[in-house]
Amino acid sequence: MANYVGIDFGTTNSVVAHLVEEPTRVDIQIVRSSLGLDRTPSAVAVSRDGEWLFGQAAKEANTQHKVLSVKRILGTGQNVDLAGRGYRTEAIASLLMRHLVTAAEKRIGAKIDSAVVTVPANSKGLQRNATKIAANTAGLRVLNLINEPTAAAMAYGLGKASSGGSLRVLVYDFGGGTFDVTLLRAHHGIFEELSSRGL
């Protein structure tokens, strides 16, 4: 079994997927959360008792000490105040990624040490670097950062559709915190980003 996953590190929700290799086919499967859901809220909180909470528990926590969308400010140099202490955004994102990976390891029964991580199409160098730092701090080697619209095209199976020729595809990505548009060329299963813009 592959010891890497794909992480769609979202503003509102995050999703982890892994490669399943079977004798007759290869499949990509979503790793469900401990609650049995296919996505986890991208939330981090500290309870009144000082306990760190993640995902649904953090989102529903009755506390003012919570961050619901750290991705919005990732790479800005802005600090996050939780329980009277300031944290770098990379540190909070790292804790969330570690939570996602730990839950995925329990689900699939294997150690995960590497990941492909999605980023908004409009993310610049600092944001991309902050995403890598967060993943590295969470104990992950980042195999690649993929723009979210390109990842969506891959998940939809456009690579297979282009195996016999060439396709040009415009992908709209309505995310929880971003809106991205990417013009892709898919040629014999290989994706080339021709242009990408985001808000």
C-alpha atoms as a PDB file:
ATOM      1  CA  MET A   1       0.000   0.000   0.000  1.00  0.00           C
ATOM      2  CA  ALA A   2       1.253   3.491  -0.872  1.00  0.00           C
ATOM      3  CA  ASN A   3       2.518   5.500   2.091  1.00  0.00           C
ATOM      4  CA  TYR A   4       1.332   8.809   0.655  1.00  0.00           C
ATOM      5  CA  VAL A   5      -2.008  10.577   0.420  1.00  0.00           C
ATOM      6  CA  GLY A   6      -3.588  13.487  -1.371  1.00  0.00           C
ATOM      7  CA  ILE A   7      -4.789  16.305   0.869  1.00  0.00           C
ATOM      8  CA  ASP A   8      -7.316  18.835  -0.346  1.00  0.00           C
ATOM      9  CA  PHE A   9      -6.499  21.381   2.345  1.00  0.00           C
ATOM     10  CA  GLY A  10      -9.612  23.521   2.091  1.00  0.00           C
ATOM     11  CA  THR A  11     -10.708  26.805   3.593  1.00  0.00           C
ATOM     12  CA  THR A  12     -13.967  25.368   4.911  1.00  0.00           C
ATOM     13  CA  ASN A  13     -13.396  21.599   4.748  1.00  0.00           C
ATOM     14  CA  SER A  14     -10.450  19.312   4.091  1.00  0.00           C
ATOM     15  CA  VAL A  15     -10.409  15.909   2.403  1.00  0.00           C
ATOM     16  CA  VAL A  16      -7.815  13.129   2.412  1.00  0.00           C
ATOM     17  CA  ALA A  17      -7.638  10.519  -0.348  1.00  0.00           C
ATOM     18  CA  HIS A  18      -5.341   7.553  -0.921  1.00  0.00           C
ATOM     19  CA  LEU A  19      -4.376   5.222  -3.720  1.00  0.00           C
ATOM     20  CA  VAL A  20      -5.739   1.694  -3.546  1.00  0.00           C
ATOM     21  CA  GLU A  21      -3.911  -0.802  -5.735  1.00  0.00           C
ATOM     22  CA  GLU A  22      -5.849  -3.937  -6.577  1.00  0.00           C
ATOM     23  CA  PRO A  23      -4.846  -6.826  -8.862  1.00  0.00           C
ATOM     24  CA  THR A  24      -6.921  -5.560 -11.784  1.00  0.00           C
ATOM     25  CA  ARG A  25      -7.145  -1.812 -11.185  1.00  0.00           C
ATOM     26  CA  VAL A  26      -5.918   1.234  -9.319  1.00  0.00           C
ATOM     27  CA  ASP A  27      -8.465   3.391  -7.520  1.00  0.00           C
ATOM     28  CA  ILE A  28      -8.426   6.621  -5.550  1.00  0.00           C
ATOM     29  CA  GLN A  29     -10.573   6.515  -2.430  1.00  0.00           C
ATOM     30  CA  ILE A  30     -11.626   9.195   0.027  1.00  0.00           C
ATOM     31  CA  VAL A  31     -10.498   8.410   3.564  1.00  0.00           C
ATOM     32  CA  ARG A  32     -13.509   8.951   5.793  1.00  0.00           C
ATOM     33  CA  SER A  33     -13.148  10.789   9.091  1.00  0.00           C
ATOM     34  CA  SER A  34     -13.637   9.137  12.488  1.00  0.00           C
ATOM     35  CA  LEU A  35     -17.258  10.317  12.215  1.00  0.00           C
ATOM     36  CA  GLY A  36     -17.654   8.461   8.910  1.00  0.00           C
ATOM     37  CA  LEU A  37     -17.762  11.656   6.851  1.00  0.00           C
ATOM     38  CA  ASP A  38     -15.859  12.210   3.609  1.00  0.00           C
ATOM     39  CA  ARG A  39     -14.680  15.657   4.713  1.00  0.00           C
ATOM     40  CA  THR A  40     -13.420  17.288   7.886  1.00  0.00           C
ATOM     41  CA  PRO A  41     -14.104  20.922   8.815  1.00  0.00           C
ATOM     42  CA  SER A  42     -10.860  22.912   8.602  1.00  0.00           C
ATOM     43  CA  ALA A  43     -11.304  24.066  12.179  1.00  0.00           C
ATOM     44  CA  VAL A  44      -8.973  24.211  15.179  1.00  0.00           C
ATOM     45  CA  ALA A  45     -10.013  25.241  18.693  1.00  0.00           C
ATOM     46  CA  VAL A  46      -8.911  25.182  22.300  1.00  0.00           C
ATOM     47  CA  SER A  47     -11.630  24.206  24.779  1.00  0.00           C
ATOM     48  CA  ARG A  48     -12.267  25.918  28.112  1.00  0.00           C
ATOM     49  CA  ASP A  49     -10.286  23.069  29.716  1.00  0.00           C
ATOM     50  CA  GLY A  50      -7.286  23.744  27.466  1.00  0.00           C
ATOM     51  CA  GLU A  51      -7.861  20.734  25.201  1.00  0.00           C
ATOM     52  CA  TRP A  52      -6.980  21.077  21.513  1.00  0.00           C
ATOM     53  CA  LEU A  53      -9.904  20.222  19.246  1.00  0.00           C
ATOM     54  CA  PHE A  54      -9.968  19.627  15.496  1.00  0.00           C
ATOM     55  CA  GLY A  55     -12.513  19.177  12.733  1.00  0.00           C
ATOM     56  CA  GLN A  56     -16.176  18.850  13.696  1.00  0.00           C
ATOM     57  CA  ALA A  57     -15.396  19.009  17.430  1.00  0.00           C
ATOM     58  CA  ALA A  58     -13.564  22.305  16.955  1.00  0.00           C
ATOM     59  CA  LYS A  59     -16.281  23.740  14.729  1.00  0.00           C
ATOM     60  CA  GLU A  60     -18.998  22.946  17.273  1.00  0.00           C
ATOM     61  CA  ALA A  61     -16.982  23.887  20.372  1.00  0.00           C
ATOM     62  CA  ASN A  62     -18.531  26.505  22.627  1.00  0.00           C
ATOM     63  CA  THR A  63     -15.414  28.629  22.863  1.00  0.00           C
ATOM     64  CA  GLN A  64     -14.131  31.893  21.464  1.00  0.00           C
ATOM     65  CA  HIS A  65     -10.725  30.301  20.974  1.00  0.00           C
ATOM     66  CA  LYS A  66     -11.212  28.819  17.538  1.00  0.00           C
ATOM     67  CA  VAL A  67      -9.969  29.254  13.991  1.00  0.00           C
ATOM     68  CA  LEU A  68     -12.369  28.194  11.239  1.00  0.00           C
ATOM     69  CA  SER A  69     -10.350  29.022   8.134  1.00  0.00           C
ATOM     70  CA  VAL A  70      -6.619  29.351   8.772  1.00  0.00           C
ATOM     71  CA  LYS A  71      -5.985  28.825   5.067  1.00  0.00           C
ATOM     72  CA  ARG A  72      -7.299  32.341   4.325  1.00  0.00           C
ATOM     73  CA  ILE A  73      -4.368  33.885   6.181  1.00  0.00           C
ATOM     74  CA  LEU A  74      -1.728  31.208   5.602  1.00  0.00           C
ATOM     75  CA  GLY A  75       1.510  32.810   4.446  1.00  0.00           C
ATOM     76  CA  THR A  76       0.494  36.366   5.386  1.00  0.00           C
ATOM     77  CA  GLY A  77       2.727  36.597   8.465  1.00  0.00           C
ATOM     78  CA  GLN A  78      -0.384  37.207  10.570  1.00  0.00           C
ATOM     79  CA  ASN A  79      -0.559  35.468  13.951  1.00  0.00           C
ATOM     80  CA  VAL A  80      -3.551  33.576  15.338  1.00  0.00           C
ATOM     81  CA  ASP A  81      -4.549  34.111  18.972  1.00  0.00           C
ATOM     82  CA  LEU A  82      -5.741  30.955  20.717  1.00  0.00           C
ATOM     83  CA  ALA A  83      -6.231  30.735  24.479  1.00  0.00           C
ATOM     84  CA  GLY A  84      -4.225  33.903  25.097  1.00  0.00           C
ATOM     85  CA  ARG A  85      -1.211  32.857  23.051  1.00  0.00           C
ATOM     86  CA  GLY A  86      -0.159  33.883  19.560  1.00  0.00           C
ATOM     87  CA  TYR A  87       0.612  31.179  16.996  1.00  0.00           C
ATOM     88  CA  ARG A  88       1.974  31.435  13.490  1.00  0.00           C
ATOM     89  CA  THR A  89      -0.549  30.396  10.862  1.00  0.00           C
ATOM     90  CA  GLU A  90       1.802  27.627   9.681  1.00  0.00           C
ATOM     91  CA  ALA A  91       1.744  26.122  13.194  1.00  0.00           C
ATOM     92  CA  ILE A  92      -2.069  26.002  13.286  1.00  0.00           C
ATOM     93  CA  ALA A  93      -2.255  24.597   9.744  1.00  0.00           C
ATOM     94  CA  SER A  94       0.353  22.006  10.734  1.00  0.00           C
ATOM     95  CA  LEU A  95      -1.703  20.846  13.717  1.00  0.00           C
ATOM     96  CA  LEU A  96      -4.755  20.466  11.476  1.00  0.00           C
ATOM     97  CA  MET A  97      -2.779  18.521   8.847  1.00  0.00           C
ATOM     98  CA  ARG A  98      -1.359  16.246  11.543  1.00  0.00           C
ATOM     99  CA  HIS A  99      -4.903  15.587  12.772  1.00  0.00           C
ATOM    100  CA  LEU A 100      -6.046  14.721   9.229  1.00  0.00           C
ATOM    101  CA  VAL A 101      -3.107  12.388   8.634  1.00  0.00           C
ATOM    102  CA  THR A 102      -3.367  10.670  12.039  1.00  0.00           C
ATOM    103  CA  ALA A 103      -7.071   9.992  11.417  1.00  0.00           C
ATOM    104  CA  ALA A 104      -6.254   8.684   7.918  1.00  0.00           C
ATOM    105  CA  GLU A 105      -3.525   6.387   9.276  1.00  0.00           C
ATOM    106  CA  LYS A 106      -6.007   4.845  11.713  1.00  0.00           C
ATOM    107  CA  ARG A 107      -8.539   4.345   8.936  1.00  0.00           C
ATOM    108  CA  ILE A 108      -6.234   2.736   6.379  1.00  0.00           C
ATOM    109  CA  GLY A 109      -3.958   0.974   8.878  1.00  0.00           C
ATOM    110  CA  ALA A 110      -0.669   2.272   7.481  1.00  0.00           C
ATOM    111  CA  LYS A 111       1.895   4.959   8.248  1.00  0.00           C
ATOM    112  CA  ILE A 112       1.731   8.018   5.979  1.00  0.00           C
ATOM    113  CA  ASP A 113       4.895  10.033   5.417  1.00  0.00           C
ATOM    114  CA  SER A 114       4.264  11.924   2.165  1.00  0.00           C
ATOM    115  CA  ALA A 115       1.472  13.904   0.524  1.00  0.00           C
ATOM    116  CA  VAL A 116       0.337  15.770  -2.542  1.00  0.00           C
ATOM    117  CA  VAL A 117      -1.395  18.936  -1.307  1.00  0.00           C
ATOM    118  CA  THR A 118      -3.782  21.225  -3.178  1.00  0.00           C
ATOM    119  CA  VAL A 119      -3.423  25.010  -3.165  1.00  0.00           C
ATOM    120  CA  PRO A 120      -5.581  27.792  -4.635  1.00  0.00           C
ATOM    121  CA  ALA A 121      -4.702  28.707  -8.210  1.00  0.00           C
ATOM    122  CA  ASN A 122      -4.027  32.293  -7.139  1.00  0.00           C
ATOM    123  CA  SER A 123      -1.696  31.392  -4.257  1.00  0.00           C
ATOM    124  CA  LYS A 124       1.681  33.055  -4.500  1.00  0.00           C
ATOM    125  CA  GLY A 125       5.135  31.991  -3.367  1.00  0.00           C
ATOM    126  CA  LEU A 126       4.643  32.847   0.314  1.00  0.00           C
ATOM    127  CA  GLN A 127       1.340  30.981   0.560  1.00  0.00           C
ATOM    128  CA  ARG A 128       2.734  27.953  -1.249  1.00  0.00           C
ATOM    129  CA  ASN A 129       5.826  27.960   0.939  1.00  0.00           C
ATOM    130  CA  ALA A 130       3.687  28.283   4.096  1.00  0.00           C
ATOM    131  CA  THR A 131       1.620  25.272   2.969  1.00  0.00           C
ATOM    132  CA  LYS A 132       4.822  23.266   2.507  1.00  0.00           C
ATOM    133  CA  ILE A 133       6.158  24.363   5.903  1.00  0.00           C
ATOM    134  CA  ALA A 134       2.879  23.349   7.581  1.00  0.00           C
ATOM    135  CA  ALA A 135       2.950  19.925   5.925  1.00  0.00           C
ATOM    136  CA  ASN A 136       6.650  19.396   6.735  1.00  0.00           C
ATOM    137  CA  THR A 137       6.068  20.356  10.371  1.00  0.00           C
ATOM    138  CA  ALA A 138       3.212  17.825  10.442  1.00  0.00           C
ATOM    139  CA  GLY A 139       5.777  15.177   9.463  1.00  0.00           C
ATOM    140  CA  LEU A 140       4.931  15.008   5.768  1.00  0.00           C
ATOM    141  CA  ARG A 141       7.201  15.182   2.767  1.00  0.00           C
ATOM    142  CA  VAL A 142       5.394  17.223   0.120  1.00  0.00           C
ATOM    143  CA  LEU A 143       5.579  15.371  -3.184  1.00  0.00           C
ATOM    144  CA  ASN A 144       3.821  18.156  -5.084  1.00  0.00           C
ATOM    145  CA  LEU A 145       1.592  21.192  -4.682  1.00  0.00           C
ATOM    146  CA  ILE A 146      -1.249  21.049  -7.217  1.00  0.00           C
ATOM    147  CA  ASN A 147      -3.564  23.913  -8.091  1.00  0.00           C
ATOM    148  CA  GLU A 148      -7.083  23.101  -6.948  1.00  0.00           C
ATOM    149  CA  PRO A 149      -8.768  23.342 -10.388  1.00  0.00           C
ATOM    150  CA  THR A 150      -6.179  20.957 -11.851  1.00  0.00           C
ATOM    151  CA  ALA A 151      -6.743  18.545  -8.972  1.00  0.00           C
ATOM    152  CA  ALA A 152     -10.500  18.743  -9.647  1.00  0.00           C
ATOM    153  CA  ALA A 153      -9.933  17.881 -13.325  1.00  0.00           C
ATOM    154  CA  MET A 154      -7.779  14.911 -12.311  1.00  0.00           C
ATOM    155  CA  ALA A 155     -10.401  13.705  -9.823  1.00  0.00           C
ATOM    156  CA  TYR A 156     -13.089  13.993 -12.485  1.00  0.00           C
ATOM    157  CA  GLY A 157     -11.101  11.664 -14.716  1.00  0.00           C
ATOM    158  CA  LEU A 158     -10.224  14.049 -17.545  1.00  0.00           C
ATOM    159  CA  GLY A 159      -6.800  12.444 -17.838  1.00  0.00           C
ATOM    160  CA  LYS A 160      -8.402   9.180 -18.966  1.00  0.00           C
ATOM    161  CA  ALA A 161     -10.711  11.047 -21.336  1.00  0.00           C
ATOM    162  CA  SER A 162      -7.656  12.550 -23.060  1.00  0.00           C
ATOM    163  CA  SER A 163      -5.761   9.266 -23.420  1.00  0.00           C
ATOM    164  CA  GLY A 164      -6.553   9.092 -27.119  1.00  0.00           C
ATOM    165  CA  GLY A 165      -5.872  12.724 -27.976  1.00  0.00           C
ATOM    166  CA  SER A 166      -5.997  16.258 -26.686  1.00  0.00           C
ATOM    167  CA  LEU A 167      -8.643  18.207 -24.765  1.00  0.00           C
ATOM    168  CA  ARG A 168      -8.864  21.839 -23.728  1.00  0.00           C
ATOM    169  CA  VAL A 169     -10.908  22.295 -20.591  1.00  0.00           C
ATOM    170  CA  LEU A 170     -11.954  25.337 -18.563  1.00  0.00           C
ATOM    171  CA  VAL A 171     -12.329  24.392 -14.893  1.00  0.00           C
ATOM    172  CA  TYR A 172     -14.296  26.563 -12.448  1.00  0.00           C
ATOM    173  CA  ASP A 173     -13.526  25.846  -8.794  1.00  0.00           C
ATOM    174  CA  PHE A 174     -16.092  27.328  -6.400  1.00  0.00           C
ATOM    175  CA  GLY A 175     -14.281  26.781  -3.104  1.00  0.00           C
ATOM    176  CA  GLY A 176     -15.302  27.668   0.427  1.00  0.00           C
ATOM    177  CA  GLY A 177     -12.946  30.636   0.410  1.00  0.00           C
ATOM    178  CA  THR A 178     -11.675  30.986  -3.149  1.00  0.00           C
ATOM    179  CA  PHE A 179     -13.007  31.083  -6.686  1.00  0.00           C
ATOM    180  CA  ASP A 180     -10.491  29.817  -9.238  1.00  0.00           C
ATOM    181  CA  VAL A 181     -10.578  29.366 -12.993  1.00  0.00           C
ATOM    182  CA  THR A 182      -7.970  27.352 -14.886  1.00  0.00           C
ATOM    183  CA  LEU A 183      -7.625  26.625 -18.591  1.00  0.00           C
ATOM    184  CA  LEU A 184      -6.082  23.167 -18.981  1.00  0.00           C
ATOM    185  CA  ARG A 185      -4.786  21.136 -21.858  1.00  0.00           C
ATOM    186  CA  ALA A 186      -5.075  17.409 -21.243  1.00  0.00           C
ATOM    187  CA  HIS A 187      -2.979  15.442 -23.732  1.00  0.00           C
ATOM    188  CA  HIS A 188      -2.634  11.655 -23.511  1.00  0.00           C
ATOM    189  CA  GLY A 189      -3.323  11.751 -19.772  1.00  0.00           C
ATOM    190  CA  ILE A 190      -0.896  14.600 -19.009  1.00  0.00           C
ATOM    191  CA  PHE A 191      -2.187  17.974 -17.750  1.00  0.00           C
ATOM    192  CA  GLU A 192      -0.729  21.315 -18.766  1.00  0.00           C
ATOM    193  CA  GLU A 193      -1.993  24.535 -17.174  1.00  0.00           C
ATOM    194  CA  LEU A 194      -2.323  27.144 -19.906  1.00  0.00           C
ATOM    195  CA  SER A 195      -3.695  29.909 -17.699  1.00  0.00           C
ATOM    196  CA  SER A 196      -4.989  30.237 -14.158  1.00  0.00           C
ATOM    197  CA  ARG A 197      -6.685  33.024 -12.199  1.00  0.00           C
ATOM    198  CA  GLY A 198      -8.325  33.213  -8.812  1.00  0.00           C
ATOM    199  CA  LEU A 199      -9.980  35.461  -6.277  1.00  0.00           C
END
